[in-house]
Amino acid sequence: MNRYEQLKSKLASVPMDSETEEFLSRVEDAVRQLMREGAPTINAIASRLCITPSKFRRDVRSYLDLTPSDYIMLLRLRRALQMLDYYPRYSVAHVAEMCGFFDHAHFTHTFTDYFGLTPTQYIAKIRSESRK
């Protein structure tokens, strides 16, 4: 199981009540908006949620038992996977930019760390599986 799947599995085991769902929805909205402007930081997300960065960190740990950085990266990489899956003509550099990574190299390094494949290898794998 790769690092992304481990985080996703941990997130799936979180009991969801309406308060948790509302918090996660607000965080996801903030991250989605901030990805368009660059890397979504804890401070920027907390600001969008009108809470302090300390409160944001506590809430993420409390609700999810994940670090805020892990949760934010999970959201960014989930978006990257969606883009690579559904928009195969987008360049890896464009996907990196749209997911708030500083550059193609940073995205490739992070993607490889979480999935064990480069984005290009992932795309090739998807294409070969879709031909079967």
C-alpha atoms as a PDB file:
ATOM      1  CA  MET A   1       0.000   0.000   0.000  1.00  0.00           C
ATOM      2  CA  ASN A   2       1.502   3.327  -1.030  1.00  0.00           C
ATOM      3  CA  ARG A   3       1.573   6.408   1.179  1.00  0.00           C
ATOM      4  CA  TYR A   4      -1.468   7.970  -0.515  1.00  0.00           C
ATOM      5  CA  GLU A   5      -3.539   4.829   0.009  1.00  0.00           C
ATOM      6  CA  GLN A   6      -2.472   4.688   3.667  1.00  0.00           C
ATOM      7  CA  LEU A   7      -3.691   8.246   4.243  1.00  0.00           C
ATOM      8  CA  LYS A   8      -6.871   7.620   2.278  1.00  0.00           C
ATOM      9  CA  SER A   9      -7.552   4.479   4.303  1.00  0.00           C
ATOM     10  CA  LYS A  10      -6.969   6.330   7.554  1.00  0.00           C
ATOM     11  CA  LEU A  11      -9.355   9.068   6.420  1.00  0.00           C
ATOM     12  CA  ALA A  12     -11.994   6.494   5.421  1.00  0.00           C
ATOM     13  CA  SER A  13     -11.946   5.069   8.942  1.00  0.00           C
ATOM     14  CA  VAL A  14     -12.860   8.423  10.519  1.00  0.00           C
ATOM     15  CA  PRO A  15     -16.378   8.422  11.945  1.00  0.00           C
ATOM     16  CA  MET A  16     -18.340  11.097  10.093  1.00  0.00           C
ATOM     17  CA  ASP A  17     -20.930  13.168  11.858  1.00  0.00           C
ATOM     18  CA  SER A  18     -22.452  16.367  10.538  1.00  0.00           C
ATOM     19  CA  GLU A  19     -19.898  18.547  12.332  1.00  0.00           C
ATOM     20  CA  THR A  20     -16.966  16.607  10.863  1.00  0.00           C
ATOM     21  CA  GLU A  21     -18.497  16.634   7.384  1.00  0.00           C
ATOM     22  CA  GLU A  22     -19.102  20.386   7.577  1.00  0.00           C
ATOM     23  CA  PHE A  23     -15.523  21.053   8.707  1.00  0.00           C
ATOM     24  CA  LEU A  24     -14.042  18.845   5.979  1.00  0.00           C
ATOM     25  CA  SER A  25     -16.239  20.444   3.349  1.00  0.00           C
ATOM     26  CA  ARG A  26     -15.082  23.908   4.375  1.00  0.00           C
ATOM     27  CA  VAL A  27     -11.434  22.813   4.365  1.00  0.00           C
ATOM     28  CA  GLU A  28     -11.788  21.190   0.929  1.00  0.00           C
ATOM     29  CA  ASP A  29     -13.389  24.337  -0.479  1.00  0.00           C
ATOM     30  CA  ALA A  30     -10.586  26.481   0.930  1.00  0.00           C
ATOM     31  CA  VAL A  31      -7.885  24.162  -0.412  1.00  0.00           C
ATOM     32  CA  ARG A  32      -9.546  24.030  -3.857  1.00  0.00           C
ATOM     33  CA  GLN A  33      -9.666  27.833  -4.028  1.00  0.00           C
ATOM     34  CA  LEU A  34      -6.120  28.262  -2.770  1.00  0.00           C
ATOM     35  CA  MET A  35      -4.660  25.710  -5.206  1.00  0.00           C
ATOM     36  CA  ARG A  36      -5.530  28.112  -8.011  1.00  0.00           C
ATOM     37  CA  GLU A  37      -3.378  30.762  -6.336  1.00  0.00           C
ATOM     38  CA  GLY A  38      -0.418  28.544  -5.436  1.00  0.00           C
ATOM     39  CA  ALA A  39       0.359  26.179  -2.609  1.00  0.00           C
ATOM     40  CA  PRO A  40      -2.391  26.133   0.022  1.00  0.00           C
ATOM     41  CA  THR A  41      -0.704  26.808   3.352  1.00  0.00           C
ATOM     42  CA  ILE A  42      -2.032  26.151   6.829  1.00  0.00           C
ATOM     43  CA  ASN A  43      -2.114  29.889   7.501  1.00  0.00           C
ATOM     44  CA  ALA A  44      -4.029  30.643   4.299  1.00  0.00           C
ATOM     45  CA  ILE A  45      -6.553  27.868   4.909  1.00  0.00           C
ATOM     46  CA  ALA A  46      -7.089  28.946   8.505  1.00  0.00           C
ATOM     47  CA  SER A  47      -7.623  32.502   7.308  1.00  0.00           C
ATOM     48  CA  ARG A  48     -10.278  31.327   4.818  1.00  0.00           C
ATOM     49  CA  LEU A  49     -11.989  29.436   7.640  1.00  0.00           C
ATOM     50  CA  CYS A  50     -11.772  32.477   9.936  1.00  0.00           C
ATOM     51  CA  ILE A  51      -9.852  30.565  12.599  1.00  0.00           C
ATOM     52  CA  THR A  52      -6.279  30.711  13.841  1.00  0.00           C
ATOM     53  CA  PRO A  53      -3.653  28.374  12.394  1.00  0.00           C
ATOM     54  CA  SER A  54      -3.361  26.748  15.843  1.00  0.00           C
ATOM     55  CA  LYS A  55      -7.088  26.055  15.939  1.00  0.00           C
ATOM     56  CA  PHE A  56      -6.959  24.667  12.406  1.00  0.00           C
ATOM     57  CA  ARG A  57      -4.125  22.294  13.381  1.00  0.00           C
ATOM     58  CA  ARG A  58      -5.996  21.154  16.499  1.00  0.00           C
ATOM     59  CA  ASP A  59      -9.258  20.654  14.609  1.00  0.00           C
ATOM     60  CA  VAL A  60      -7.675  18.591  11.827  1.00  0.00           C
ATOM     61  CA  ARG A  61      -5.910  16.376  14.347  1.00  0.00           C
ATOM     62  CA  SER A  62      -9.063  16.098  16.438  1.00  0.00           C
ATOM     63  CA  TYR A  63     -11.426  15.288  13.571  1.00  0.00           C
ATOM     64  CA  LEU A  64      -9.119  13.196  11.396  1.00  0.00           C
ATOM     65  CA  ASP A  65      -6.172  11.996  13.449  1.00  0.00           C
ATOM     66  CA  LEU A  66      -3.986  13.256  10.591  1.00  0.00           C
ATOM     67  CA  THR A  67      -1.557  16.121  10.478  1.00  0.00           C
ATOM     68  CA  PRO A  68      -2.870  19.158   8.617  1.00  0.00           C
ATOM     69  CA  SER A  69      -0.025  18.826   6.109  1.00  0.00           C
ATOM     70  CA  ASP A  70      -0.943  15.216   5.366  1.00  0.00           C
ATOM     71  CA  TYR A  71      -4.598  16.096   4.882  1.00  0.00           C
ATOM     72  CA  ILE A  72      -3.814  19.065   2.637  1.00  0.00           C
ATOM     73  CA  MET A  73      -1.442  16.942   0.545  1.00  0.00           C
ATOM     74  CA  LEU A  74      -4.073  14.201   0.310  1.00  0.00           C
ATOM     75  CA  LEU A  75      -6.534  16.736  -1.121  1.00  0.00           C
ATOM     76  CA  ARG A  76      -3.992  18.140  -3.568  1.00  0.00           C
ATOM     77  CA  LEU A  77      -2.929  14.718  -4.790  1.00  0.00           C
ATOM     78  CA  ARG A  78      -6.544  13.570  -5.092  1.00  0.00           C
ATOM     79  CA  ARG A  79      -7.116  16.535  -7.406  1.00  0.00           C
ATOM     80  CA  ALA A  80      -3.949  15.692  -9.337  1.00  0.00           C
ATOM     81  CA  LEU A  81      -5.165  12.114  -9.843  1.00  0.00           C
ATOM     82  CA  GLN A  82      -8.524  13.367 -11.077  1.00  0.00           C
ATOM     83  CA  MET A  83      -6.826  15.658 -13.557  1.00  0.00           C
ATOM     84  CA  LEU A  84      -4.424  12.970 -14.784  1.00  0.00           C
ATOM     85  CA  ASP A  85      -7.293  10.464 -15.091  1.00  0.00           C
ATOM     86  CA  TYR A  86      -9.842  12.689 -16.810  1.00  0.00           C
ATOM     87  CA  TYR A  87      -7.696  15.169 -18.711  1.00  0.00           C
ATOM     88  CA  PRO A  88      -4.895  13.094 -20.201  1.00  0.00           C
ATOM     89  CA  ARG A  89      -3.966  15.851 -22.637  1.00  0.00           C
ATOM     90  CA  TYR A  90      -2.974  18.197 -19.800  1.00  0.00           C
ATOM     91  CA  SER A  91       0.755  18.352 -19.338  1.00  0.00           C
ATOM     92  CA  VAL A  92       2.227  17.250 -16.032  1.00  0.00           C
ATOM     93  CA  ALA A  93       3.450  20.830 -15.563  1.00  0.00           C
ATOM     94  CA  HIS A  94      -0.102  22.136 -15.982  1.00  0.00           C
ATOM     95  CA  VAL A  95      -1.467  19.614 -13.465  1.00  0.00           C
ATOM     96  CA  ALA A  96       1.290  20.618 -11.051  1.00  0.00           C
ATOM     97  CA  GLU A  97       0.377  24.271 -11.398  1.00  0.00           C
ATOM     98  CA  MET A  98      -3.360  23.619 -11.003  1.00  0.00           C
ATOM     99  CA  CYS A  99      -2.726  21.643  -7.808  1.00  0.00           C
ATOM    100  CA  GLY A 100      -0.611  24.359  -6.216  1.00  0.00           C
ATOM    101  CA  PHE A 101       2.861  22.907  -6.668  1.00  0.00           C
ATOM    102  CA  PHE A 102       5.754  25.277  -7.199  1.00  0.00           C
ATOM    103  CA  ASP A 103       6.973  23.537 -10.325  1.00  0.00           C
ATOM    104  CA  HIS A 104       6.968  20.334 -12.318  1.00  0.00           C
ATOM    105  CA  ALA A 105       9.953  18.884 -10.416  1.00  0.00           C
ATOM    106  CA  HIS A 106       8.396  19.491  -6.985  1.00  0.00           C
ATOM    107  CA  PHE A 107       5.171  17.848  -8.127  1.00  0.00           C
ATOM    108  CA  THR A 108       6.973  14.860  -9.651  1.00  0.00           C
ATOM    109  CA  HIS A 109       9.041  14.342  -6.493  1.00  0.00           C
ATOM    110  CA  THR A 110       5.964  14.523  -4.234  1.00  0.00           C
ATOM    111  CA  PHE A 111       3.849  12.337  -6.532  1.00  0.00           C
ATOM    112  CA  THR A 112       6.593   9.704  -6.646  1.00  0.00           C
ATOM    113  CA  ASP A 113       6.970   9.824  -2.863  1.00  0.00           C
ATOM    114  CA  TYR A 114       3.247   9.161  -2.366  1.00  0.00           C
ATOM    115  CA  PHE A 115       2.517   6.751  -5.240  1.00  0.00           C
ATOM    116  CA  GLY A 116       5.817   5.081  -6.053  1.00  0.00           C
ATOM    117  CA  LEU A 117       5.473   6.192  -9.693  1.00  0.00           C
ATOM    118  CA  THR A 118       6.215   9.403 -11.527  1.00  0.00           C
ATOM    119  CA  PRO A 119       3.185  11.201 -12.985  1.00  0.00           C
ATOM    120  CA  THR A 120       4.328  10.141 -16.457  1.00  0.00           C
ATOM    121  CA  GLN A 121       4.520   6.490 -15.368  1.00  0.00           C
ATOM    122  CA  TYR A 122       1.062   6.819 -13.810  1.00  0.00           C
ATOM    123  CA  ILE A 123      -0.377   8.189 -17.061  1.00  0.00           C
ATOM    124  CA  ALA A 124       1.238   5.344 -19.048  1.00  0.00           C
ATOM    125  CA  LYS A 125      -0.214   2.814 -16.596  1.00  0.00           C
ATOM    126  CA  ILE A 126      -3.717   4.318 -16.930  1.00  0.00           C
ATOM    127  CA  ARG A 127      -3.498   4.270 -20.714  1.00  0.00           C
ATOM    128  CA  SER A 128      -2.318   0.671 -20.831  1.00  0.00           C
ATOM    129  CA  GLU A 129      -5.086  -0.426 -18.422  1.00  0.00           C
ATOM    130  CA  SER A 130      -7.761   1.377 -20.449  1.00  0.00           C
ATOM    131  CA  ARG A 131      -6.718  -0.519 -23.585  1.00  0.00           C
ATOM    132  CA  LYS A 132      -7.329  -3.882 -21.948  1.00  0.00           C
END
